C-alpha atoms as a PDB file:
ATOM      1  CA  UNK A   1     -43.759 -88.899 202.053  1.00  0.00           C
ATOM      2  CA  UNK A   2     -46.774 -89.374 204.203  1.00  0.00           C
ATOM      3  CA  UNK A   3     -47.187 -92.348 206.704  1.00  0.00           C
ATOM      4  CA  UNK A   4     -49.664 -94.296 204.748  1.00  0.00           C
ATOM      5  CA  UNK A   5     -47.519 -94.194 201.736  1.00  0.00           C
ATOM      6  CA  UNK A   6     -44.486 -95.078 203.901  1.00  0.00           C
ATOM      7  CA  UNK A   7     -46.250 -98.218 205.210  1.00  0.00           C
ATOM      8  CA  UNK A   8     -47.483 -99.179 201.821  1.00  0.00           C
ATOM      9  CA  UNK A   9     -43.808 -99.128 200.675  1.00  0.00           C
ATOM     10  CA  UNK A  10     -42.872-100.944 203.866  1.00  0.00           C
ATOM     11  CA  UNK A  11     -45.508-103.770 202.929  1.00  0.00           C
ATOM     12  CA  UNK A  12     -44.164-103.985 199.443  1.00  0.00           C
ATOM     13  CA  UNK A  13     -40.547-104.472 200.761  1.00  0.00           C
ATOM     14  CA  UNK A  14     -41.960-107.156 203.142  1.00  0.00           C
ATOM     15  CA  UNK A  15     -43.731-109.185 200.502  1.00  0.00           C
ATOM     16  CA  UNK A  16     -40.685-108.743 198.030  1.00  0.00           C
ATOM     17  CA  UNK A  17     -38.354-109.957 200.795  1.00  0.00           C
ATOM     18  CA  UNK A  18     -40.651-112.850 201.743  1.00  0.00           C
ATOM     19  CA  UNK A  19     -40.664-114.018 197.964  1.00  0.00           C
ATOM     20  CA  UNK A  20     -37.008-113.427 197.519  1.00  0.00           C
ATOM     21  CA  UNK A  21     -35.912-115.389 200.697  1.00  0.00           C
ATOM     22  CA  UNK A  22     -38.693-118.106 201.002  1.00  0.00           C
ATOM     23  CA  UNK A  23     -38.624-118.358 197.261  1.00  0.00           C
ATOM     24  CA  UNK A  24     -35.678-120.384 197.072  1.00  0.00           C
ATOM     25  CA  UNK A  25     -36.947-122.392 200.002  1.00  0.00           C
ATOM     26  CA  UNK A  26     -40.042-123.475 198.176  1.00  0.00           C
ATOM     27  CA  UNK A  27     -37.954-123.947 194.974  1.00  0.00           C
ATOM     28  CA  UNK A  28     -35.367-126.221 196.573  1.00  0.00           C
ATOM     29  CA  UNK A  29     -38.234-128.379 198.344  1.00  0.00           C
ATOM     30  CA  UNK A  30     -40.096-128.703 195.165  1.00  0.00           C
ATOM     31  CA  UNK A  31     -36.891-129.916 193.339  1.00  0.00           C
ATOM     32  CA  UNK A  32     -36.316-132.741 195.594  1.00  0.00           C
ATOM     33  CA  UNK A  33     -38.003-135.344 193.286  1.00  0.00           C
ATOM     34  CA  UNK A  34     -36.037-134.178 190.337  1.00  0.00           C
ATOM     35  CA  UNK A  35     -32.539-133.701 191.652  1.00  0.00           C
ATOM     36  CA  UNK A  36     -32.182-136.935 193.619  1.00  0.00           C
ATOM     37  CA  UNK A  37     -32.670-139.645 190.875  1.00  0.00           C
ATOM     38  CA  UNK A  38     -29.119-141.174 190.481  1.00  0.00           C
ATOM     39  CA  UNK A  39     -29.563-144.341 192.536  1.00  0.00           C
ATOM     40  CA  UNK A  40     -31.113-145.509 195.874  1.00  0.00           C
ATOM     41  CA  UNK A  41     -28.089-144.700 198.068  1.00  0.00           C
ATOM     42  CA  UNK A  42     -26.756-141.683 195.956  1.00  0.00           C
ATOM     43  CA  UNK A  43     -30.319-140.290 195.449  1.00  0.00           C
ATOM     44  CA  UNK A  44     -31.003-140.433 199.316  1.00  0.00           C
ATOM     45  CA  UNK A  45     -27.591-138.612 200.079  1.00  0.00           C
ATOM     46  CA  UNK A  46     -28.570-136.081 197.492  1.00  0.00           C
ATOM     47  CA  UNK A  47     -31.891-135.501 198.897  1.00  0.00           C
ATOM     48  CA  UNK A  48     -30.432-135.041 202.278  1.00  0.00           C
ATOM     49  CA  UNK A  49     -27.888-132.540 200.862  1.00  0.00           C
ATOM     50  CA  UNK A  50     -30.654-130.628 199.059  1.00  0.00           C
ATOM     51  CA  UNK A  51     -32.561-130.308 202.346  1.00  0.00           C
ATOM     52  CA  UNK A  52     -29.459-129.503 204.286  1.00  0.00           C
ATOM     53  CA  UNK A  53     -28.881-126.375 202.094  1.00  0.00           C
ATOM     54  CA  UNK A  54     -32.077-124.792 203.764  1.00  0.00           C
ATOM     55  CA  UNK A  55     -32.204-126.529 207.037  1.00  0.00           C
ATOM     56  CA  UNK A  56     -30.938-123.515 208.788  1.00  0.00           C
ATOM     57  CA  UNK A  57     -32.859-120.976 206.852  1.00  0.00           C
ATOM     58  CA  UNK A  58     -36.365-121.925 205.944  1.00  0.00           C
ATOM     59  CA  UNK A  59     -38.115-121.185 209.233  1.00  0.00           C
ATOM     60  CA  UNK A  60     -36.449-117.915 209.547  1.00  0.00           C
ATOM     61  CA  UNK A  61     -37.505-116.916 206.133  1.00  0.00           C
ATOM     62  CA  UNK A  62     -41.127-117.610 207.108  1.00  0.00           C
ATOM     63  CA  UNK A  63     -40.963-114.705 209.598  1.00  0.00           C
ATOM     64  CA  UNK A  64     -41.086-112.382 206.409  1.00  0.00           C
ATOM     65  CA  UNK A  65     -44.570-113.899 205.777  1.00  0.00           C
ATOM     66  CA  UNK A  66     -45.739-113.357 209.267  1.00  0.00           C
ATOM     67  CA  UNK A  67     -44.306-109.617 209.324  1.00  0.00           C
ATOM     68  CA  UNK A  68     -45.754-108.914 205.916  1.00  0.00           C
ATOM     69  CA  UNK A  69     -49.340-109.933 206.977  1.00  0.00           C
ATOM     70  CA  UNK A  70     -49.067-108.393 210.383  1.00  0.00           C
ATOM     71  CA  UNK A  71     -48.002-105.229 208.768  1.00  0.00           C
ATOM     72  CA  UNK A  72     -51.263-105.172 206.558  1.00  0.00           C
ATOM     73  CA  UNK A  73     -53.249-106.015 209.458  1.00  0.00           C
ATOM     74  CA  UNK A  74     -51.743-103.261 211.580  1.00  0.00           C
ATOM     75  CA  UNK A  75     -51.473-100.484 209.211  1.00  0.00           C
ATOM     76  CA  UNK A  76     -54.277-101.019 206.604  1.00  0.00           C
ATOM     77  CA  UNK A  77     -57.092-103.078 208.371  1.00  0.00           C
ATOM     78  CA  UNK A  78     -59.427-102.228 205.521  1.00  0.00           C
ATOM     79  CA  UNK A  79     -57.076-103.757 203.080  1.00  0.00           C
ATOM     80  CA  UNK A  80     -56.677-107.079 205.340  1.00  0.00           C
ATOM     81  CA  UNK A  81     -60.475-107.178 205.849  1.00  0.00           C
ATOM     82  CA  UNK A  82     -61.319-107.117 202.261  1.00  0.00           C
ATOM     83  CA  UNK A  83     -58.226-109.343 201.100  1.00  0.00           C
ATOM     84  CA  UNK A  84     -59.034-112.088 203.826  1.00  0.00           C
ATOM     85  CA  UNK A  85     -62.757-112.318 203.452  1.00  0.00           C
ATOM     86  CA  UNK A  86     -62.383-112.523 199.566  1.00  0.00           C
ATOM     87  CA  UNK A  87     -59.366-114.754 199.267  1.00  0.00           C
ATOM     88  CA  UNK A  88     -60.152-117.003 202.154  1.00  0.00           C
ATOM     89  CA  UNK A  89     -59.544-120.249 200.431  1.00  0.00           C
ATOM     90  CA  UNK A  90     -56.105-119.500 198.889  1.00  0.00           C
ATOM     91  CA  UNK A  91     -54.949-118.518 202.505  1.00  0.00           C
ATOM     92  CA  UNK A  92     -56.273-121.610 203.950  1.00  0.00           C
ATOM     93  CA  UNK A  93     -54.177-123.440 201.397  1.00  0.00           C
ATOM     94  CA  UNK A  94     -51.200-121.499 202.417  1.00  0.00           C
ATOM     95  CA  UNK A  95     -51.505-122.329 205.957  1.00  0.00           C
ATOM     96  CA  UNK A  96     -52.143-125.867 205.275  1.00  0.00           C
ATOM     97  CA  UNK A  97     -49.051-126.191 202.991  1.00  0.00           C
ATOM     98  CA  UNK A  98     -46.852-124.404 205.478  1.00  0.00           C
ATOM     99  CA  UNK A  99     -48.021-126.521 208.512  1.00  0.00           C
ATOM    100  CA  UNK A 100     -47.575-129.941 206.659  1.00  0.00           C
ATOM    101  CA  UNK A 101     -44.172-128.704 205.327  1.00  0.00           C
ATOM    102  CA  UNK A 102     -42.967-127.796 208.780  1.00  0.00           C
ATOM    103  CA  UNK A 103     -44.164-131.209 210.116  1.00  0.00           C
ATOM    104  CA  UNK A 104     -42.571-133.014 207.300  1.00  0.00           C
ATOM    105  CA  UNK A 105     -39.097-131.224 207.918  1.00  0.00           C
ATOM    106  CA  UNK A 106     -39.067-132.347 211.590  1.00  0.00           C
ATOM    107  CA  UNK A 107     -40.507-135.873 210.992  1.00  0.00           C
ATOM    108  CA  UNK A 108     -38.495-136.883 208.123  1.00  0.00           C
ATOM    109  CA  UNK A 109     -35.289-137.616 210.069  1.00  0.00           C
ATOM    110  CA  UNK A 110     -36.997-139.648 212.840  1.00  0.00           C
ATOM    111  CA  UNK A 111     -36.654-142.833 210.979  1.00  0.00           C
ATOM    112  CA  UNK A 112     -34.238-144.159 208.392  1.00  0.00           C
ATOM    113  CA  UNK A 113     -36.364-146.471 206.080  1.00  0.00           C
ATOM    114  CA  UNK A 114     -36.654-145.595 202.557  1.00  0.00           C
ATOM    115  CA  UNK A 115     -40.413-145.647 202.589  1.00  0.00           C
ATOM    116  CA  UNK A 116     -40.422-143.140 205.462  1.00  0.00           C
ATOM    117  CA  UNK A 117     -37.861-140.985 203.702  1.00  0.00           C
ATOM    118  CA  UNK A 118     -39.662-140.841 200.424  1.00  0.00           C
ATOM    119  CA  UNK A 119     -43.129-140.295 202.079  1.00  0.00           C
ATOM    120  CA  UNK A 120     -42.079-137.145 203.927  1.00  0.00           C
ATOM    121  CA  UNK A 121     -39.899-136.008 201.150  1.00  0.00           C
ATOM    122  CA  UNK A 122     -43.045-135.957 198.794  1.00  0.00           C
ATOM    123  CA  UNK A 123     -44.856-134.115 201.714  1.00  0.00           C
ATOM    124  CA  UNK A 124     -42.207-131.443 201.804  1.00  0.00           C
ATOM    125  CA  UNK A 125     -42.501-131.013 198.043  1.00  0.00           C
ATOM    126  CA  UNK A 126     -46.245-130.979 198.055  1.00  0.00           C
ATOM    127  CA  UNK A 127     -46.632-128.554 200.862  1.00  0.00           C
ATOM    128  CA  UNK A 128     -44.076-126.072 199.345  1.00  0.00           C
ATOM    129  CA  UNK A 129     -45.867-126.151 196.088  1.00  0.00           C
ATOM    130  CA  UNK A 130     -49.191-125.615 197.620  1.00  0.00           C
ATOM    131  CA  UNK A 131     -47.896-122.677 199.701  1.00  0.00           C
ATOM    132  CA  UNK A 132     -46.310-121.088 196.919  1.00  0.00           C
ATOM    133  CA  UNK A 133     -49.014-121.257 194.533  1.00  0.00           C
ATOM    134  CA  UNK A 134     -51.620-120.101 197.187  1.00  0.00           C
ATOM    135  CA  UNK A 135     -49.476-116.951 197.908  1.00  0.00           C
ATOM    136  CA  UNK A 136     -49.061-116.295 194.361  1.00  0.00           C
ATOM    137  CA  UNK A 137     -52.753-116.606 193.705  1.00  0.00           C
ATOM    138  CA  UNK A 138     -53.633-114.216 196.483  1.00  0.00           C
ATOM    139  CA  UNK A 139     -51.179-111.626 195.356  1.00  0.00           C
ATOM    140  CA  UNK A 140     -51.996-112.004 191.804  1.00  0.00           C
ATOM    141  CA  UNK A 141     -55.619-111.655 192.438  1.00  0.00           C
ATOM    142  CA  UNK A 142     -55.084-108.761 194.698  1.00  0.00           C
ATOM    143  CA  UNK A 143     -52.927-106.732 192.326  1.00  0.00           C
ATOM    144  CA  UNK A 144     -54.982-107.454 189.247  1.00  0.00           C
ATOM    145  CA  UNK A 145     -58.474-107.024 190.702  1.00  0.00           C
ATOM    146  CA  UNK A 146     -61.107-108.705 193.105  1.00  0.00           C
ATOM    147  CA  UNK A 147     -64.990-108.745 192.766  1.00  0.00           C
ATOM    148  CA  UNK A 148     -65.640-106.329 195.704  1.00  0.00           C
ATOM    149  CA  UNK A 149     -68.365-103.825 196.170  1.00  0.00           C
ATOM    150  CA  UNK A 150     -68.456-100.431 197.654  1.00  0.00           C
ATOM    151  CA  UNK A 151     -68.231-101.853 201.218  1.00  0.00           C
ATOM    152  CA  UNK A 152     -65.234-104.091 200.363  1.00  0.00           C
ATOM    153  CA  UNK A 153     -67.352-107.204 200.405  1.00  0.00           C
ATOM    154  CA  UNK A 154     -66.887-110.068 198.001  1.00  0.00           C
ATOM    155  CA  UNK A 155     -69.363-110.225 195.178  1.00  0.00           C
ATOM    156  CA  UNK A 156     -70.298-113.715 194.049  1.00  0.00           C
ATOM    157  CA  UNK A 157     -69.437-117.280 195.630  1.00  0.00           C
ATOM    158  CA  UNK A 158     -66.562-118.562 197.416  1.00  0.00           C
ATOM    159  CA  UNK A 159     -64.556-119.025 194.311  1.00  0.00           C
ATOM    160  CA  UNK A 160     -65.390-115.682 192.523  1.00  0.00           C
ATOM    161  CA  UNK A 161     -61.975-114.102 193.370  1.00  0.00           C
ATOM    162  CA  UNK A 162     -60.095-116.974 191.843  1.00  0.00           C
ATOM    163  CA  UNK A 163     -59.970-116.257 188.144  1.00  0.00           C
ATOM    164  CA  UNK A 164     -57.263-115.878 185.596  1.00  0.00           C
ATOM    165  CA  UNK A 165     -55.420-113.363 187.596  1.00  0.00           C
ATOM    166  CA  UNK A 166     -55.108-115.768 190.618  1.00  0.00           C
ATOM    167  CA  UNK A 167     -54.098-118.486 188.271  1.00  0.00           C
ATOM    168  CA  UNK A 168     -51.303-116.215 186.567  1.00  0.00           C
ATOM    169  CA  UNK A 169     -50.036-115.190 190.030  1.00  0.00           C
ATOM    170  CA  UNK A 170     -49.754-118.829 191.283  1.00  0.00           C
ATOM    171  CA  UNK A 171     -47.890-119.731 188.128  1.00  0.00           C
ATOM    172  CA  UNK A 172     -45.677-116.819 188.237  1.00  0.00           C
ATOM    173  CA  UNK A 173     -44.593-117.701 192.038  1.00  0.00           C
ATOM    174  CA  UNK A 174     -44.174-121.333 191.476  1.00  0.00           C
ATOM    175  CA  UNK A 175     -42.197-120.856 188.338  1.00  0.00           C
ATOM    176  CA  UNK A 176     -39.807-118.268 189.863  1.00  0.00           C
ATOM    177  CA  UNK A 177     -39.274-120.261 193.039  1.00  0.00           C
ATOM    178  CA  UNK A 178     -38.292-123.454 191.123  1.00  0.00           C
ATOM    179  CA  UNK A 179     -35.523-121.421 189.164  1.00  0.00           C
ATOM    180  CA  UNK A 180     -34.595-119.496 192.222  1.00  0.00           C
ATOM    181  CA  UNK A 181     -34.274-122.810 194.194  1.00  0.00           C
ATOM    182  CA  UNK A 182     -32.193-124.262 191.309  1.00  0.00           C
ATOM    183  CA  UNK A 183     -29.792-121.366 191.144  1.00  0.00           C
ATOM    184  CA  UNK A 184     -29.565-121.372 194.971  1.00  0.00           C
ATOM    185  CA  UNK A 185     -28.630-125.206 194.992  1.00  0.00           C
ATOM    186  CA  UNK A 186     -26.054-124.541 192.198  1.00  0.00           C
ATOM    187  CA  UNK A 187     -24.553-121.650 194.302  1.00  0.00           C
ATOM    188  CA  UNK A 188     -24.649-123.763 197.591  1.00  0.00           C
ATOM    189  CA  UNK A 189     -23.590-127.355 196.626  1.00  0.00           C
ATOM    190  CA  UNK A 190     -20.915-129.106 194.729  1.00  0.00           C
ATOM    191  CA  UNK A 191     -20.947-132.309 192.775  1.00  0.00           C
ATOM    192  CA  UNK A 192     -23.825-133.928 190.871  1.00  0.00           C
ATOM    193  CA  UNK A 193     -26.365-131.844 192.648  1.00  0.00           C
ATOM    194  CA  UNK A 194     -24.561-128.648 191.593  1.00  0.00           C
ATOM    195  CA  UNK A 195     -24.568-129.924 187.822  1.00  0.00           C
ATOM    196  CA  UNK A 196     -28.041-130.977 187.799  1.00  0.00           C
ATOM    197  CA  UNK A 197     -29.313-127.685 189.510  1.00  0.00           C
ATOM    198  CA  UNK A 198     -27.361-125.734 186.855  1.00  0.00           C
ATOM    199  CA  UNK A 199     -28.650-127.469 184.057  1.00  0.00           C
ATOM    200  CA  UNK A 200     -32.345-127.114 185.301  1.00  0.00           C
ATOM    201  CA  UNK A 201     -31.794-123.444 185.744  1.00  0.00           C
ATOM    202  CA  UNK A 202     -30.277-122.922 182.444  1.00  0.00           C
ATOM    203  CA  UNK A 203     -33.107-124.787 180.746  1.00  0.00           C
ATOM    204  CA  UNK A 204     -36.053-123.142 182.419  1.00  0.00           C
ATOM    205  CA  UNK A 205     -34.930-119.619 183.452  1.00  0.00           C
ATOM    206  CA  UNK A 206     -36.207-117.826 180.427  1.00  0.00           C
ATOM    207  CA  UNK A 207     -39.598-119.742 180.407  1.00  0.00           C
ATOM    208  CA  UNK A 208     -39.946-119.334 184.231  1.00  0.00           C
ATOM    209  CA  UNK A 209     -39.701-115.559 184.084  1.00  0.00           C
ATOM    210  CA  UNK A 210     -42.515-115.177 181.429  1.00  0.00           C
ATOM    211  CA  UNK A 211     -45.535-115.455 184.080  1.00  0.00           C
ATOM    212  CA  UNK A 212     -44.035-112.866 186.449  1.00  0.00           C
ATOM    213  CA  UNK A 213     -43.024-110.494 183.629  1.00  0.00           C
ATOM    214  CA  UNK A 214     -46.514-110.833 182.253  1.00  0.00           C
ATOM    215  CA  UNK A 215     -48.193-110.203 185.699  1.00  0.00           C
ATOM    216  CA  UNK A 216     -46.002-107.125 186.231  1.00  0.00           C
ATOM    217  CA  UNK A 217     -46.495-105.880 182.739  1.00  0.00           C
ATOM    218  CA  UNK A 218     -50.562-106.159 183.033  1.00  0.00           C
ATOM    219  CA  UNK A 219     -50.343-104.112 186.303  1.00  0.00           C
ATOM    220  CA  UNK A 220     -48.218-101.637 184.550  1.00  0.00           C
ATOM    221  CA  UNK A 221     -50.368-101.374 181.442  1.00  0.00           C
ATOM    222  CA  UNK A 222     -53.328-100.640 183.612  1.00  0.00           C
ATOM    223  CA  UNK A 223     -52.064 -97.814 185.799  1.00  0.00           C
ATOM    224  CA  UNK A 224     -48.361 -97.567 185.479  1.00  0.00           C
ATOM    225  CA  UNK A 225     -45.924 -94.560 185.104  1.00  0.00           C
ATOM    226  CA  UNK A 226     -42.603 -94.086 183.081  1.00  0.00           C
ATOM    227  CA  UNK A 227     -40.928 -95.260 186.266  1.00  0.00           C
ATOM    228  CA  UNK A 228     -42.779 -98.481 186.407  1.00  0.00           C
ATOM    229  CA  UNK A 229     -42.020 -99.065 182.536  1.00  0.00           C
ATOM    230  CA  UNK A 230     -38.179 -98.534 183.453  1.00  0.00           C
ATOM    231  CA  UNK A 231     -38.369-101.181 186.378  1.00  0.00           C
ATOM    232  CA  UNK A 232     -40.284-103.631 184.030  1.00  0.00           C
ATOM    233  CA  UNK A 233     -37.269-103.335 181.479  1.00  0.00           C
ATOM    234  CA  UNK A 234     -34.826-103.899 184.228  1.00  0.00           C
ATOM    235  CA  UNK A 235     -36.619-106.983 185.293  1.00  0.00           C
ATOM    236  CA  UNK A 236     -36.568-108.291 181.779  1.00  0.00           C
ATOM    237  CA  UNK A 237     -32.844-107.346 181.588  1.00  0.00           C
ATOM    238  CA  UNK A 238     -32.052-109.081 184.698  1.00  0.00           C
ATOM    239  CA  UNK A 239     -33.574-112.401 183.391  1.00  0.00           C
ATOM    240  CA  UNK A 240     -31.247-112.337 180.382  1.00  0.00           C
ATOM    241  CA  UNK A 241     -28.126-111.743 182.733  1.00  0.00           C
ATOM    242  CA  UNK A 242     -29.101-114.306 185.137  1.00  0.00           C
ATOM    243  CA  UNK A 243     -29.498-117.006 182.229  1.00  0.00           C
ATOM    244  CA  UNK A 244     -26.000-115.893 180.590  1.00  0.00           C
ATOM    245  CA  UNK A 245     -24.265-116.174 184.021  1.00  0.00           C
ATOM    246  CA  UNK A 246     -25.657-119.546 184.943  1.00  0.00           C
ATOM    247  CA  UNK A 247     -24.638-120.811 181.531  1.00  0.00           C
ATOM    248  CA  UNK A 248     -21.020-120.073 182.194  1.00  0.00           C
ATOM    249  CA  UNK A 249     -21.149-121.258 185.780  1.00  0.00           C
ATOM    250  CA  UNK A 250     -21.346-117.906 187.671  1.00  0.00           C
ATOM    251  CA  UNK A 251     -23.963-119.027 190.127  1.00  0.00           C
ATOM    252  CA  UNK A 252     -23.272-116.028 192.414  1.00  0.00           C
ATOM    253  CA  UNK A 253     -23.993-113.595 189.782  1.00  0.00           C
ATOM    254  CA  UNK A 254     -26.880-115.498 188.453  1.00  0.00           C
ATOM    255  CA  UNK A 255     -28.489-115.767 191.759  1.00  0.00           C
ATOM    256  CA  UNK A 256     -28.159-111.861 192.316  1.00  0.00           C
ATOM    257  CA  UNK A 257     -29.468-111.234 188.864  1.00  0.00           C
ATOM    258  CA  UNK A 258     -32.488-113.559 189.359  1.00  0.00           C
ATOM    259  CA  UNK A 259     -33.241-111.981 192.740  1.00  0.00           C
ATOM    260  CA  UNK A 260     -33.019-108.505 190.924  1.00  0.00           C
ATOM    261  CA  UNK A 261     -35.648-109.669 188.563  1.00  0.00           C
ATOM    262  CA  UNK A 262     -38.049-110.180 191.467  1.00  0.00           C
ATOM    263  CA  UNK A 263     -37.308-107.046 193.009  1.00  0.00           C
ATOM    264  CA  UNK A 264     -37.733-105.054 189.864  1.00  0.00           C
ATOM    265  CA  UNK A 265     -40.981-106.847 188.867  1.00  0.00           C
ATOM    266  CA  UNK A 266     -42.431-106.456 192.425  1.00  0.00           C
ATOM    267  CA  UNK A 267     -41.396-102.809 192.380  1.00  0.00           C
ATOM    268  CA  UNK A 268     -43.362-102.631 189.122  1.00  0.00           C
ATOM    269  CA  UNK A 269     -46.366-104.130 190.583  1.00  0.00           C
ATOM    270  CA  UNK A 270     -46.583-102.182 193.762  1.00  0.00           C
ATOM    271  CA  UNK A 271     -45.370 -98.970 191.991  1.00  0.00           C
ATOM    272  CA  UNK A 272     -47.946 -99.223 189.380  1.00  0.00           C
ATOM    273  CA  UNK A 273     -50.908-100.320 191.771  1.00  0.00           C
ATOM    274  CA  UNK A 274     -50.346 -97.432 194.264  1.00  0.00           C
ATOM    275  CA  UNK A 275     -52.501 -95.744 195.658  1.00  0.00           C
ATOM    276  CA  UNK A 276     -54.947 -98.762 195.131  1.00  0.00           C
ATOM    277  CA  UNK A 277     -54.427-101.725 197.382  1.00  0.00           C
ATOM    278  CA  UNK A 278     -57.225-103.658 196.160  1.00  0.00           C
ATOM    279  CA  UNK A 279     -58.739-102.738 192.608  1.00  0.00           C
ATOM    280  CA  UNK A 280     -62.472-103.829 192.243  1.00  0.00           C
ATOM    281  CA  UNK A 281     -63.354-105.618 188.966  1.00  0.00           C
ATOM    282  CA  UNK A 282     -67.080-104.751 189.691  1.00  0.00           C
ATOM    283  CA  UNK A 283     -66.442-100.893 189.432  1.00  0.00           C
ATOM    284  CA  UNK A 284     -63.363 -98.760 189.709  1.00  0.00           C
ATOM    285  CA  UNK A 285     -65.246 -96.467 192.113  1.00  0.00           C
ATOM    286  CA  UNK A 286     -65.116 -99.496 194.691  1.00  0.00           C
ATOM    287  CA  UNK A 287     -61.316 -99.698 194.565  1.00  0.00           C
ATOM    288  CA  UNK A 288     -59.751 -99.732 197.973  1.00  0.00           C
ATOM    289  CA  UNK A 289     -57.078 -97.019 198.230  1.00  0.00           C
ATOM    290  CA  UNK A 290     -54.190 -96.566 200.794  1.00  0.00           C
ATOM    291  CA  UNK A 291     -56.168 -93.705 202.446  1.00  0.00           C
ATOM    292  CA  UNK A 292     -59.379 -95.591 202.543  1.00  0.00           C
ATOM    293  CA  UNK A 293     -57.627 -98.683 204.216  1.00  0.00           C
ATOM    294  CA  UNK A 294     -55.092 -97.079 206.672  1.00  0.00           C
ATOM    295  CA  UNK A 295     -55.186 -96.610 210.420  1.00  0.00           C
ATOM    296  CA  UNK A 296     -54.698 -93.164 212.062  1.00  0.00           C
ATOM    297  CA  UNK A 297     -51.285 -91.137 211.907  1.00  0.00           C
ATOM    298  CA  UNK A 298     -50.819 -91.705 215.375  1.00  0.00           C
ATOM    299  CA  UNK A 299     -51.026 -95.526 215.138  1.00  0.00           C
ATOM    300  CA  UNK A 300     -48.712 -95.216 212.262  1.00  0.00           C
ATOM    301  CA  UNK A 301     -46.299 -93.128 213.973  1.00  0.00           C
ATOM    302  CA  UNK A 302     -46.000 -95.561 216.954  1.00  0.00           C
ATOM    303  CA  UNK A 303     -45.609 -98.590 214.488  1.00  0.00           C
ATOM    304  CA  UNK A 304     -42.787 -96.648 212.699  1.00  0.00           C
ATOM    305  CA  UNK A 305     -40.896 -96.181 215.897  1.00  0.00           C
ATOM    306  CA  UNK A 306     -41.264 -99.811 216.837  1.00  0.00           C
ATOM    307  CA  UNK A 307     -40.221-100.968 213.339  1.00  0.00           C
ATOM    308  CA  UNK A 308     -37.199 -98.612 213.460  1.00  0.00           C
ATOM    309  CA  UNK A 309     -36.006-100.156 216.699  1.00  0.00           C
ATOM    310  CA  UNK A 310     -36.862-103.832 215.963  1.00  0.00           C
ATOM    311  CA  UNK A 311     -36.225-104.305 212.298  1.00  0.00           C
ATOM    312  CA  UNK A 312     -32.364-103.626 212.400  1.00  0.00           C
ATOM    313  CA  UNK A 313     -31.940-106.309 215.017  1.00  0.00           C
ATOM    314  CA  UNK A 314     -33.973-108.871 213.003  1.00  0.00           C
ATOM    315  CA  UNK A 315     -32.189-108.110 209.712  1.00  0.00           C
ATOM    316  CA  UNK A 316     -28.751-108.212 211.472  1.00  0.00           C
ATOM    317  CA  UNK A 317     -29.635-111.649 213.061  1.00  0.00           C
ATOM    318  CA  UNK A 318     -30.789-112.899 209.640  1.00  0.00           C
ATOM    319  CA  UNK A 319     -27.732-111.604 207.948  1.00  0.00           C
ATOM    320  CA  UNK A 320     -25.572-113.278 210.472  1.00  0.00           C
ATOM    321  CA  UNK A 321     -27.371-116.592 209.938  1.00  0.00           C
ATOM    322  CA  UNK A 322     -26.688-116.476 206.329  1.00  0.00           C
ATOM    323  CA  UNK A 323     -22.916-115.587 206.745  1.00  0.00           C
ATOM    324  CA  UNK A 324     -22.523-118.524 209.155  1.00  0.00           C
ATOM    325  CA  UNK A 325     -23.857-120.982 206.682  1.00  0.00           C
ATOM    326  CA  UNK A 326     -22.411-119.543 203.513  1.00  0.00           C
ATOM    327  CA  UNK A 327     -20.102-122.546 202.570  1.00  0.00           C
ATOM    328  CA  UNK A 328     -20.805-125.033 199.911  1.00  0.00           C
ATOM    329  CA  UNK A 329     -22.097-128.413 200.773  1.00  0.00           C
ATOM    330  CA  UNK A 330     -21.357-131.803 199.137  1.00  0.00           C
ATOM    331  CA  UNK A 331     -23.300-135.047 199.536  1.00  0.00           C
ATOM    332  CA  UNK A 332     -22.068-137.838 201.794  1.00  0.00           C
ATOM    333  CA  UNK A 333     -23.444-141.448 202.178  1.00  0.00           C
ATOM    334  CA  UNK A 334     -26.175-141.563 204.627  1.00  0.00           C
ATOM    335  CA  UNK A 335     -25.372-143.719 207.582  1.00  0.00           C
ATOM    336  CA  UNK A 336     -27.183-144.847 210.773  1.00  0.00           C
ATOM    337  CA  UNK A 337     -26.472-144.172 214.539  1.00  0.00           C
ATOM    338  CA  UNK A 338     -26.675-147.224 216.845  1.00  0.00           C
ATOM    339  CA  UNK A 339     -30.425-146.219 217.645  1.00  0.00           C
ATOM    340  CA  UNK A 340     -31.357-146.657 213.959  1.00  0.00           C
ATOM    341  CA  UNK A 341     -31.925-142.991 213.304  1.00  0.00           C
ATOM    342  CA  UNK A 342     -29.923-140.958 210.895  1.00  0.00           C
ATOM    343  CA  UNK A 343     -26.746-139.801 212.228  1.00  0.00           C
END
């Protein structure tokens, strides 16, 4: 395997890892208004529990986004330049959503009033939904085609790249994240939140998988191979397995199967797209390929050695974090410390 192809595969793995890990973060945050409705005190305790499940994880999961974008920038500057200039608006929305979400996570616990809690809970939910939709729109438009000319420049106005493909990608990532978050909550909690999350996942899993399967199927139909056809079938089968497992309360197996669906669908998309990294909707002759967009072999060689040393350390640390915080959590009534802040 040549180095540009190796780094294309690495970028695909990084984006898949980001959606797999940050996906349940987005989903958990988006479900805050849905899974905390029992009563004033109980609902507040439930919302605290829901956030507590991702508290030690969400900022570490965002590292995958930074690494994925950094890998595209370093290994494929032509891809990065075309991508960013054409999809500037979705990426601004992603940054905005991630920033306000991070601020809300920190500020929510600085006061103990109901109004303060409600306000910042809504900000967390809104920021997560905006970020998930923006990332989905960018990836959907990129893999299904952007209006670019032979120099990789956008053809048309600022919204010319935000067509049906961007909408499909946005809906696919948001829908996947909602069920992913629900299954994660069913796996990580006990009590009413677990029951409500399992009920949500059981009801919506088959429907939520359809946009992602449609996205992967369209990329396969355009330029797929027998291998990507098998991968798409694996993704569809994994949806059925996840739905069947959540119905009988096997949350761990359901979470694994739902994640396998994403991995297989992402492999279908990237596998069918290769060697094109940005297809042009203006003229196929303007497609940006791996060869066109990559840096020199020397630079890729240095990057490969650096990644070979640093990546295992990062993966080991993140695996250790998940192991430490592996236990189920239960809701407890919120109480205040003498200073008035939540204890």
